[in-house]
N, C-alpha and C. Protein backbone atom coordinates (compact mmCIF):
# COMPACT_ATOMS: atom_id res chain seq x y z
N UNK A 1 68.11 -93.76 133.13
CA UNK A 1 67.62 -93.66 131.77
C UNK A 1 67.22 -92.22 131.50
N UNK A 2 67.69 -91.69 130.40
CA UNK A 2 67.41 -90.29 130.04
C UNK A 2 65.98 -90.16 129.53
N UNK A 3 65.35 -89.06 129.92
CA UNK A 3 64.02 -88.77 129.43
C UNK A 3 64.10 -88.24 128.01
N UNK A 4 63.11 -88.57 127.21
CA UNK A 4 63.08 -88.11 125.82
C UNK A 4 62.21 -86.87 125.70
N UNK A 5 62.44 -86.13 124.63
CA UNK A 5 61.61 -84.96 124.33
C UNK A 5 60.20 -85.40 123.99
N UNK A 6 59.24 -84.52 124.27
CA UNK A 6 57.86 -84.74 123.90
C UNK A 6 57.61 -84.00 122.60
N UNK A 7 57.03 -84.67 121.63
CA UNK A 7 56.81 -84.07 120.31
C UNK A 7 55.41 -83.45 120.25
N UNK A 8 55.37 -82.20 119.80
CA UNK A 8 54.13 -81.47 119.58
C UNK A 8 54.07 -81.12 118.10
N UNK A 9 52.88 -81.18 117.53
CA UNK A 9 52.66 -80.79 116.13
C UNK A 9 51.76 -79.56 116.12
N UNK A 10 52.10 -78.61 115.28
CA UNK A 10 51.29 -77.39 115.18
C UNK A 10 51.07 -77.03 113.72
N UNK A 11 49.83 -76.76 113.39
CA UNK A 11 49.48 -76.16 112.11
C UNK A 11 49.27 -74.69 112.42
N UNK A 12 50.14 -73.84 111.92
CA UNK A 12 50.12 -72.42 112.24
C UNK A 12 49.79 -71.61 110.99
N UNK A 13 48.66 -70.92 111.03
CA UNK A 13 48.26 -70.03 109.94
C UNK A 13 48.65 -68.62 110.34
N UNK A 14 49.60 -68.02 109.62
CA UNK A 14 50.10 -66.69 109.95
C UNK A 14 49.50 -65.66 109.01
N UNK A 15 48.92 -64.62 109.59
CA UNK A 15 48.43 -63.46 108.84
C UNK A 15 49.12 -62.25 109.45
N UNK A 16 50.27 -61.88 108.89
CA UNK A 16 51.04 -60.74 109.39
C UNK A 16 50.64 -59.51 108.57
N UNK A 17 49.68 -58.78 109.08
CA UNK A 17 49.14 -57.61 108.37
C UNK A 17 50.19 -56.51 108.29
N UNK A 18 51.00 -56.38 109.34
CA UNK A 18 52.05 -55.35 109.36
C UNK A 18 53.03 -55.49 108.20
N UNK A 19 53.32 -56.73 107.81
CA UNK A 19 54.34 -56.97 106.78
C UNK A 19 53.78 -57.59 105.49
N UNK A 20 52.46 -57.76 105.42
CA UNK A 20 51.86 -58.32 104.21
C UNK A 20 52.26 -59.76 103.96
N UNK A 21 52.39 -60.54 105.02
CA UNK A 21 52.81 -61.94 104.89
C UNK A 21 51.68 -62.84 105.35
N UNK A 22 51.30 -63.79 104.49
CA UNK A 22 50.20 -64.72 104.79
C UNK A 22 50.63 -66.10 104.35
N UNK A 23 50.74 -67.04 105.31
CA UNK A 23 51.18 -68.40 104.97
C UNK A 23 50.80 -69.37 106.07
N UNK A 24 50.75 -70.63 105.68
CA UNK A 24 50.52 -71.72 106.63
C UNK A 24 51.84 -72.44 106.86
N UNK A 25 52.07 -72.82 108.11
CA UNK A 25 53.30 -73.52 108.48
C UNK A 25 52.95 -74.79 109.24
N UNK A 26 53.46 -75.92 108.79
CA UNK A 26 53.33 -77.20 109.51
C UNK A 26 54.60 -77.36 110.34
N UNK A 27 54.46 -77.36 111.66
CA UNK A 27 55.60 -77.31 112.55
C UNK A 27 55.65 -78.51 113.49
N UNK A 28 56.86 -78.91 113.80
CA UNK A 28 57.08 -79.93 114.83
C UNK A 28 57.94 -79.30 115.91
N UNK A 29 57.45 -79.36 117.13
CA UNK A 29 58.19 -78.83 118.28
C UNK A 29 58.58 -79.99 119.17
N UNK A 30 59.84 -80.10 119.48
CA UNK A 30 60.30 -81.10 120.43
C UNK A 30 60.51 -80.37 121.76
N UNK A 31 59.67 -80.71 122.74
CA UNK A 31 59.80 -80.06 124.05
C UNK A 31 60.74 -80.89 124.92
N UNK A 32 61.88 -80.30 125.23
CA UNK A 32 62.89 -80.92 126.09
C UNK A 32 62.25 -81.26 127.44
N UNK A 33 62.67 -82.34 128.09
CA UNK A 33 62.07 -82.69 129.38
C UNK A 33 62.12 -81.58 130.43
N UNK A 34 63.11 -80.69 130.34
CA UNK A 34 63.20 -79.60 131.32
C UNK A 34 62.48 -78.33 130.87
N UNK A 35 61.92 -78.36 129.67
CA UNK A 35 61.23 -77.18 129.13
C UNK A 35 59.77 -77.18 129.56
N UNK A 36 59.25 -76.01 129.88
CA UNK A 36 57.85 -75.87 130.25
C UNK A 36 57.01 -75.58 129.01
N UNK A 37 55.69 -75.79 129.14
CA UNK A 37 54.79 -75.42 128.05
C UNK A 37 54.90 -73.93 127.77
N UNK A 38 55.09 -73.12 128.80
CA UNK A 38 55.20 -71.68 128.63
C UNK A 38 56.37 -71.33 127.71
N UNK A 39 57.54 -71.88 127.97
CA UNK A 39 58.71 -71.58 127.15
C UNK A 39 58.52 -72.08 125.72
N UNK A 40 57.97 -73.29 125.58
CA UNK A 40 57.74 -73.84 124.26
C UNK A 40 56.80 -72.94 123.45
N UNK A 41 55.76 -72.44 124.08
CA UNK A 41 54.79 -71.60 123.36
C UNK A 41 55.37 -70.21 123.06
N UNK A 42 56.28 -69.72 123.90
CA UNK A 42 56.96 -68.46 123.58
C UNK A 42 57.85 -68.67 122.35
N UNK A 43 58.48 -69.85 122.23
CA UNK A 43 59.25 -70.17 121.01
C UNK A 43 58.35 -70.11 119.78
N UNK A 44 57.16 -70.69 119.90
CA UNK A 44 56.23 -70.71 118.79
C UNK A 44 55.76 -69.29 118.45
N UNK A 45 55.50 -68.49 119.47
CA UNK A 45 55.09 -67.09 119.25
C UNK A 45 56.22 -66.30 118.57
N UNK A 46 57.46 -66.53 118.99
CA UNK A 46 58.60 -65.85 118.37
C UNK A 46 58.71 -66.22 116.90
N UNK A 47 58.50 -67.49 116.59
CA UNK A 47 58.52 -67.91 115.19
C UNK A 47 57.42 -67.19 114.41
N UNK A 48 56.23 -67.09 114.97
CA UNK A 48 55.12 -66.41 114.29
C UNK A 48 55.45 -64.93 114.05
N UNK A 49 56.10 -64.29 115.01
CA UNK A 49 56.46 -62.87 114.87
C UNK A 49 57.52 -62.65 113.80
N UNK A 50 58.33 -63.67 113.52
CA UNK A 50 59.41 -63.53 112.54
C UNK A 50 59.13 -64.26 111.23
N UNK A 51 57.99 -64.89 111.10
CA UNK A 51 57.69 -65.67 109.89
C UNK A 51 57.78 -64.83 108.62
N UNK A 52 57.41 -63.56 108.71
CA UNK A 52 57.44 -62.69 107.53
C UNK A 52 58.84 -62.56 106.95
N UNK A 53 59.87 -62.82 107.76
CA UNK A 53 61.23 -62.67 107.28
C UNK A 53 61.62 -63.75 106.28
N UNK A 54 60.84 -64.81 106.21
CA UNK A 54 61.04 -65.77 105.12
C UNK A 54 60.97 -65.04 103.78
N UNK A 55 60.02 -64.12 103.67
CA UNK A 55 59.86 -63.35 102.44
C UNK A 55 60.76 -62.13 102.40
N UNK A 56 60.76 -61.34 103.48
CA UNK A 56 61.49 -60.07 103.45
C UNK A 56 63.01 -60.22 103.50
N UNK A 57 63.51 -61.27 104.15
CA UNK A 57 64.96 -61.47 104.26
C UNK A 57 65.46 -62.47 103.22
N UNK A 58 64.71 -63.54 102.99
CA UNK A 58 65.16 -64.62 102.10
C UNK A 58 64.40 -64.69 100.78
N UNK A 59 63.54 -63.73 100.51
CA UNK A 59 62.75 -63.72 99.27
C UNK A 59 62.02 -65.05 99.04
N UNK A 60 61.56 -65.65 100.13
CA UNK A 60 60.81 -66.90 100.03
C UNK A 60 61.66 -68.14 99.86
N UNK A 61 62.97 -67.98 99.75
CA UNK A 61 63.85 -69.11 99.51
C UNK A 61 64.71 -69.37 100.75
N UNK A 62 64.05 -69.84 101.80
CA UNK A 62 64.76 -70.11 103.04
C UNK A 62 63.98 -71.10 103.88
N UNK A 63 64.50 -71.38 105.06
CA UNK A 63 63.86 -72.31 105.99
C UNK A 63 63.75 -71.65 107.35
N UNK A 64 62.54 -71.62 107.87
CA UNK A 64 62.28 -71.11 109.21
C UNK A 64 61.92 -72.32 110.05
N UNK A 65 62.69 -72.59 111.10
CA UNK A 65 62.47 -73.82 111.87
C UNK A 65 62.94 -73.65 113.31
N UNK A 66 62.57 -74.62 114.11
CA UNK A 66 63.03 -74.66 115.49
C UNK A 66 64.39 -75.33 115.53
N UNK A 67 65.30 -74.76 116.30
CA UNK A 67 66.60 -75.38 116.52
C UNK A 67 66.49 -76.40 117.64
N UNK A 68 67.61 -76.92 118.06
CA UNK A 68 67.61 -77.91 119.13
C UNK A 68 67.39 -77.26 120.50
N UNK A 69 67.57 -75.94 120.57
CA UNK A 69 67.26 -75.21 121.80
C UNK A 69 67.98 -75.74 123.02
N UNK A 70 67.23 -76.16 124.03
CA UNK A 70 67.81 -76.61 125.28
C UNK A 70 68.69 -77.85 125.12
N UNK A 71 68.47 -78.63 124.08
CA UNK A 71 69.26 -79.84 123.86
C UNK A 71 70.67 -79.53 123.37
N UNK A 72 70.86 -78.37 122.76
CA UNK A 72 72.16 -77.99 122.23
C UNK A 72 72.34 -76.48 122.41
N UNK A 73 73.15 -76.06 123.38
CA UNK A 73 73.31 -74.63 123.64
C UNK A 73 73.96 -73.84 122.50
N UNK A 74 74.54 -74.54 121.53
CA UNK A 74 75.16 -73.86 120.39
C UNK A 74 74.18 -73.62 119.25
N UNK A 75 72.93 -74.02 119.43
CA UNK A 75 71.90 -73.78 118.42
C UNK A 75 70.84 -72.86 118.97
N UNK A 76 70.23 -72.07 118.09
CA UNK A 76 69.16 -71.17 118.55
C UNK A 76 67.87 -71.94 118.82
N UNK A 77 66.94 -71.27 119.46
CA UNK A 77 65.61 -71.84 119.67
C UNK A 77 64.83 -71.85 118.36
N UNK A 78 65.02 -70.80 117.56
CA UNK A 78 64.39 -70.68 116.24
C UNK A 78 65.43 -70.06 115.31
N UNK A 79 65.47 -70.53 114.07
CA UNK A 79 66.39 -69.92 113.11
C UNK A 79 65.75 -69.80 111.74
N UNK A 80 66.28 -68.84 111.00
CA UNK A 80 65.93 -68.66 109.59
C UNK A 80 67.23 -68.78 108.81
N UNK A 81 67.26 -69.76 107.90
CA UNK A 81 68.44 -69.95 107.06
C UNK A 81 68.05 -69.75 105.61
N UNK A 82 68.96 -69.15 104.85
CA UNK A 82 68.70 -68.96 103.43
C UNK A 82 69.08 -70.23 102.67
N UNK A 83 68.93 -70.20 101.35
CA UNK A 83 69.17 -71.40 100.54
C UNK A 83 70.61 -71.87 100.57
N UNK A 84 71.54 -71.00 100.98
CA UNK A 84 72.95 -71.41 101.08
C UNK A 84 73.26 -72.09 102.40
N UNK A 85 72.31 -72.04 103.34
CA UNK A 85 72.53 -72.61 104.67
C UNK A 85 73.01 -71.58 105.68
N UNK A 86 73.21 -70.34 105.23
CA UNK A 86 73.65 -69.29 106.16
C UNK A 86 72.49 -68.90 107.09
N UNK A 87 72.82 -68.74 108.36
CA UNK A 87 71.81 -68.33 109.33
C UNK A 87 71.60 -66.84 109.22
N UNK A 88 70.41 -66.44 108.85
CA UNK A 88 70.08 -65.03 108.68
C UNK A 88 69.45 -64.43 109.93
N UNK A 89 68.63 -65.22 110.62
CA UNK A 89 67.97 -64.76 111.86
C UNK A 89 68.14 -65.86 112.91
N UNK A 90 68.61 -65.46 114.09
CA UNK A 90 68.85 -66.37 115.22
C UNK A 90 67.96 -65.87 116.35
N UNK A 91 67.08 -66.71 116.87
CA UNK A 91 66.15 -66.30 117.91
C UNK A 91 66.36 -67.15 119.16
N UNK A 92 66.53 -66.48 120.29
CA UNK A 92 66.68 -67.12 121.59
C UNK A 92 65.48 -66.77 122.45
N UNK A 93 65.07 -67.71 123.28
CA UNK A 93 63.97 -67.51 124.22
C UNK A 93 64.52 -67.70 125.62
N UNK A 94 64.16 -66.79 126.52
CA UNK A 94 64.62 -66.92 127.90
C UNK A 94 65.59 -65.82 128.24
N UNK A 95 66.64 -66.20 128.97
CA UNK A 95 67.60 -65.22 129.46
C UNK A 95 69.03 -65.71 129.24
N UNK A 96 69.46 -65.73 127.97
CA UNK A 96 70.81 -66.21 127.68
C UNK A 96 71.88 -65.26 128.22
N UNK A 97 73.08 -65.80 128.44
CA UNK A 97 74.16 -64.93 128.93
C UNK A 97 74.77 -64.14 127.78
N UNK A 98 75.51 -63.13 128.14
CA UNK A 98 76.06 -62.21 127.13
C UNK A 98 77.08 -62.88 126.22
N UNK A 99 77.81 -63.88 126.71
CA UNK A 99 78.79 -64.58 125.88
C UNK A 99 78.08 -65.34 124.76
N UNK A 100 77.01 -66.04 125.10
CA UNK A 100 76.25 -66.77 124.08
C UNK A 100 75.63 -65.82 123.06
N UNK A 101 75.16 -64.67 123.52
CA UNK A 101 74.57 -63.70 122.59
C UNK A 101 75.62 -63.08 121.67
N UNK A 102 76.80 -62.81 122.20
CA UNK A 102 77.87 -62.27 121.35
C UNK A 102 78.25 -63.28 120.28
N UNK A 103 78.32 -64.55 120.65
CA UNK A 103 78.63 -65.61 119.68
C UNK A 103 77.53 -65.69 118.62
N UNK A 104 76.27 -65.63 119.04
CA UNK A 104 75.16 -65.68 118.09
C UNK A 104 75.22 -64.50 117.13
N UNK A 105 75.56 -63.32 117.63
CA UNK A 105 75.65 -62.13 116.79
C UNK A 105 76.76 -62.25 115.74
N UNK A 106 77.79 -63.01 116.05
CA UNK A 106 78.86 -63.25 115.06
C UNK A 106 78.43 -64.27 114.01
N UNK A 107 77.49 -65.17 114.36
CA UNK A 107 77.10 -66.24 113.46
C UNK A 107 75.87 -65.93 112.63
N UNK A 108 75.19 -64.82 112.90
CA UNK A 108 73.95 -64.53 112.20
C UNK A 108 73.84 -63.03 111.91
N UNK A 109 73.09 -62.71 110.86
CA UNK A 109 72.88 -61.30 110.52
C UNK A 109 72.04 -60.57 111.56
N UNK A 110 71.02 -61.26 112.08
CA UNK A 110 70.13 -60.68 113.09
C UNK A 110 69.96 -61.67 114.23
N UNK A 111 69.90 -61.14 115.45
CA UNK A 111 69.64 -61.97 116.62
C UNK A 111 68.52 -61.29 117.41
N UNK A 112 67.55 -62.09 117.83
CA UNK A 112 66.45 -61.59 118.64
C UNK A 112 66.33 -62.45 119.89
N UNK A 113 66.10 -61.80 121.02
CA UNK A 113 65.88 -62.51 122.28
C UNK A 113 64.49 -62.15 122.77
N UNK A 114 63.75 -63.17 123.21
CA UNK A 114 62.44 -62.98 123.82
C UNK A 114 62.52 -63.45 125.26
N UNK A 115 62.69 -62.49 126.17
CA UNK A 115 62.75 -62.79 127.60
C UNK A 115 61.32 -62.79 128.13
N UNK A 116 60.95 -63.83 128.88
CA UNK A 116 59.55 -63.94 129.26
C UNK A 116 59.30 -64.25 130.73
N UNK A 117 60.26 -64.68 131.44
CA UNK A 117 60.06 -65.12 132.82
C UNK A 117 59.91 -63.91 133.75
N UNK A 118 59.34 -64.12 134.93
CA UNK A 118 59.17 -63.01 135.87
C UNK A 118 60.52 -62.40 136.28
N UNK A 119 61.60 -63.15 136.13
CA UNK A 119 62.94 -62.64 136.46
C UNK A 119 63.62 -61.96 135.27
N UNK A 120 62.91 -61.79 134.17
CA UNK A 120 63.52 -61.20 132.97
C UNK A 120 64.02 -59.78 133.21
N UNK A 121 63.32 -59.01 134.01
CA UNK A 121 63.76 -57.63 134.28
C UNK A 121 65.08 -57.63 135.05
N UNK A 122 65.25 -58.54 135.98
CA UNK A 122 66.50 -58.65 136.73
C UNK A 122 67.62 -59.07 135.78
N UNK A 123 67.34 -60.05 134.92
CA UNK A 123 68.33 -60.49 133.94
C UNK A 123 68.75 -59.32 133.05
N UNK A 124 67.78 -58.55 132.55
CA UNK A 124 68.07 -57.44 131.65
C UNK A 124 68.95 -56.40 132.33
N UNK A 125 68.67 -56.06 133.56
CA UNK A 125 69.50 -55.09 134.29
C UNK A 125 70.94 -55.58 134.41
N UNK A 126 71.11 -56.89 134.54
CA UNK A 126 72.45 -57.45 134.68
C UNK A 126 73.26 -57.50 133.40
N UNK A 127 72.59 -57.62 132.24
CA UNK A 127 73.32 -57.77 130.98
C UNK A 127 73.21 -56.56 130.05
N UNK A 128 72.35 -55.65 130.35
CA UNK A 128 72.07 -54.53 129.44
C UNK A 128 73.33 -53.80 129.01
N UNK A 129 74.17 -53.43 129.93
CA UNK A 129 75.38 -52.68 129.60
C UNK A 129 76.37 -53.49 128.76
N UNK A 130 76.36 -54.79 128.92
CA UNK A 130 77.29 -55.66 128.20
C UNK A 130 76.85 -55.91 126.75
N UNK A 131 75.61 -55.58 126.42
CA UNK A 131 75.07 -55.89 125.10
C UNK A 131 74.97 -54.66 124.19
N UNK A 132 75.35 -53.50 124.65
CA UNK A 132 75.16 -52.28 123.86
C UNK A 132 75.94 -52.30 122.55
N UNK A 133 77.08 -52.95 122.52
CA UNK A 133 77.91 -52.97 121.30
C UNK A 133 77.42 -53.93 120.23
N UNK A 134 76.46 -54.78 120.57
CA UNK A 134 75.94 -55.76 119.61
C UNK A 134 74.84 -55.11 118.78
N UNK A 135 75.23 -54.55 117.63
CA UNK A 135 74.30 -53.76 116.82
C UNK A 135 73.23 -54.60 116.13
N UNK A 136 73.46 -55.89 115.94
CA UNK A 136 72.48 -56.74 115.26
C UNK A 136 71.61 -57.53 116.24
N UNK A 137 71.55 -57.06 117.49
CA UNK A 137 70.77 -57.73 118.53
C UNK A 137 69.54 -56.91 118.88
N UNK A 138 68.38 -57.58 118.93
CA UNK A 138 67.14 -56.97 119.42
C UNK A 138 66.68 -57.80 120.61
N UNK A 139 66.30 -57.12 121.68
CA UNK A 139 65.83 -57.80 122.89
C UNK A 139 64.40 -57.37 123.17
N UNK A 140 63.54 -58.36 123.37
CA UNK A 140 62.12 -58.13 123.60
C UNK A 140 61.71 -58.72 124.95
N UNK A 141 60.81 -58.05 125.63
CA UNK A 141 60.26 -58.54 126.91
C UNK A 141 58.82 -58.96 126.66
N UNK A 142 58.52 -60.23 126.90
CA UNK A 142 57.17 -60.75 126.77
C UNK A 142 56.50 -60.62 128.14
N UNK A 143 55.37 -59.94 128.23
CA UNK A 143 54.69 -59.80 129.52
C UNK A 143 54.38 -61.18 130.13
N UNK A 144 54.61 -61.30 131.44
CA UNK A 144 54.45 -62.58 132.12
C UNK A 144 53.03 -63.12 132.00
N UNK A 145 52.03 -62.27 132.09
CA UNK A 145 50.65 -62.77 132.00
C UNK A 145 50.37 -63.35 130.62
N UNK A 146 50.92 -62.74 129.57
CA UNK A 146 50.70 -63.24 128.20
C UNK A 146 51.42 -64.58 128.00
N UNK A 147 52.65 -64.70 128.50
CA UNK A 147 53.38 -65.96 128.32
C UNK A 147 52.70 -67.09 129.09
N UNK A 148 52.15 -66.79 130.24
CA UNK A 148 51.43 -67.82 131.01
C UNK A 148 50.14 -68.22 130.31
N UNK A 149 49.48 -67.26 129.67
CA UNK A 149 48.27 -67.59 128.91
C UNK A 149 48.60 -68.44 127.69
N UNK A 150 49.77 -68.18 127.06
CA UNK A 150 50.20 -68.99 125.92
C UNK A 150 50.32 -70.46 126.31
N UNK A 151 50.80 -70.72 127.51
CA UNK A 151 50.99 -72.09 127.97
C UNK A 151 49.67 -72.86 127.96
N UNK A 152 48.57 -72.18 128.17
CA UNK A 152 47.26 -72.84 128.19
C UNK A 152 46.82 -73.31 126.80
N UNK A 153 47.45 -72.78 125.76
CA UNK A 153 47.12 -73.19 124.39
C UNK A 153 47.86 -74.46 123.96
N UNK A 154 48.85 -74.87 124.75
CA UNK A 154 49.70 -76.00 124.37
C UNK A 154 48.94 -77.31 124.39
N UNK A 155 48.99 -78.01 123.26
CA UNK A 155 48.43 -79.35 123.11
C UNK A 155 49.35 -80.13 122.20
N UNK A 156 49.31 -81.44 122.28
CA UNK A 156 50.19 -82.27 121.45
C UNK A 156 49.92 -82.06 119.97
N UNK A 157 48.68 -81.74 119.61
CA UNK A 157 48.32 -81.44 118.23
C UNK A 157 47.55 -80.12 118.25
N UNK A 158 48.09 -79.10 117.58
CA UNK A 158 47.50 -77.76 117.67
C UNK A 158 47.15 -77.21 116.29
N UNK A 159 46.02 -76.55 116.21
CA UNK A 159 45.60 -75.77 115.04
C UNK A 159 45.57 -74.32 115.54
N UNK A 160 46.51 -73.50 115.10
CA UNK A 160 46.64 -72.14 115.62
C UNK A 160 46.55 -71.11 114.51
N UNK A 161 45.98 -69.97 114.85
CA UNK A 161 45.94 -68.82 113.95
C UNK A 161 46.75 -67.71 114.62
N UNK A 162 47.67 -67.14 113.87
CA UNK A 162 48.50 -66.05 114.37
C UNK A 162 48.25 -64.83 113.49
N UNK A 163 47.82 -63.75 114.11
CA UNK A 163 47.61 -62.50 113.40
C UNK A 163 48.53 -61.46 114.03
N UNK A 164 49.31 -60.78 113.20
CA UNK A 164 50.19 -59.72 113.69
C UNK A 164 49.67 -58.40 113.11
N UNK A 165 49.29 -57.51 114.00
CA UNK A 165 48.79 -56.20 113.58
C UNK A 165 49.21 -55.16 114.59
N UNK A 166 49.86 -54.11 114.08
CA UNK A 166 50.36 -53.01 114.91
C UNK A 166 51.25 -53.51 116.04
N UNK A 167 52.10 -54.50 115.72
CA UNK A 167 53.07 -55.02 116.68
C UNK A 167 52.51 -55.98 117.70
N UNK A 168 51.23 -56.30 117.62
CA UNK A 168 50.60 -57.22 118.58
C UNK A 168 50.35 -58.56 117.88
N UNK A 169 50.76 -59.63 118.53
CA UNK A 169 50.49 -60.97 118.04
C UNK A 169 49.24 -61.49 118.73
N UNK A 170 48.26 -61.85 117.94
CA UNK A 170 47.05 -62.49 118.47
C UNK A 170 47.14 -63.96 118.06
N UNK A 171 47.38 -64.82 119.04
CA UNK A 171 47.54 -66.24 118.79
C UNK A 171 46.34 -66.96 119.37
N UNK A 172 45.64 -67.72 118.53
CA UNK A 172 44.43 -68.36 119.00
C UNK A 172 44.22 -69.74 118.45
N UNK A 173 43.36 -70.47 119.16
CA UNK A 173 42.92 -71.80 118.74
C UNK A 173 41.46 -71.93 119.15
N UNK A 174 40.91 -73.11 118.99
CA UNK A 174 39.53 -73.35 119.41
C UNK A 174 39.38 -73.23 120.93
N UNK A 175 40.50 -73.32 121.65
CA UNK A 175 40.49 -73.26 123.11
C UNK A 175 40.61 -71.85 123.67
N UNK A 176 40.81 -70.85 122.82
CA UNK A 176 40.94 -69.47 123.29
C UNK A 176 42.00 -68.74 122.51
N UNK A 177 42.26 -67.51 122.93
CA UNK A 177 43.27 -66.70 122.25
C UNK A 177 44.03 -65.86 123.26
N UNK A 178 45.21 -65.43 122.83
CA UNK A 178 46.10 -64.62 123.66
C UNK A 178 46.59 -63.46 122.82
N UNK A 179 46.55 -62.26 123.37
CA UNK A 179 47.16 -61.09 122.74
C UNK A 179 48.52 -60.87 123.39
N UNK A 180 49.54 -60.83 122.57
CA UNK A 180 50.90 -60.68 123.08
C UNK A 180 51.53 -59.47 122.41
N UNK A 181 51.92 -58.49 123.21
CA UNK A 181 52.62 -57.32 122.69
C UNK A 181 53.97 -57.22 123.35
N UNK A 182 55.01 -57.74 122.67
CA UNK A 182 56.35 -57.67 123.26
C UNK A 182 56.84 -56.23 123.37
N UNK A 183 57.54 -55.95 124.46
CA UNK A 183 58.12 -54.63 124.70
C UNK A 183 59.58 -54.67 124.29
N UNK A 184 59.98 -53.76 123.42
CA UNK A 184 61.37 -53.75 122.95
C UNK A 184 62.27 -53.12 124.00
N UNK A 185 63.27 -53.87 124.44
CA UNK A 185 64.24 -53.39 125.41
C UNK A 185 65.49 -52.85 124.74
N UNK A 186 65.87 -53.46 123.62
CA UNK A 186 67.05 -53.03 122.84
C UNK A 186 66.76 -53.22 121.37
């Protein structure tokens, strides 16, 4: 019998001072049975970091949501689609291979990767040269200590505040907060 995804609900209040974006998001996250709380929370952090693009890319007329992620390798972990259904921003979490990233770059205007695992540096050294031609790709390294702290915020029902200032995401709840400053690799 196949295991089912675990559903998490999050009320996310985003205050992106860097981009002048302030909004509340009611989110549903389906955590695949093989997904860790750490990876799920990095997906949520990536969404918070890109939430401003609802306004700046789609002029408020789009949808920012979680894709099927691990359940469907042909879908992103997070996507932003405009009112026509075109994917404007494709976000991957983890260490995808270069073939999947090239395909994503053909299907979306912008692609962002958030590598977070302790092996992310090894992954980056292996794919860095193969990704130089992908001009619409941005690769970010999430510090391991920050991603592990994010996992501690995971609850089935979450009330979270996300503040983005000077490139740092401060994600907090009643249980604590985490400062996350992704390092841009590409």
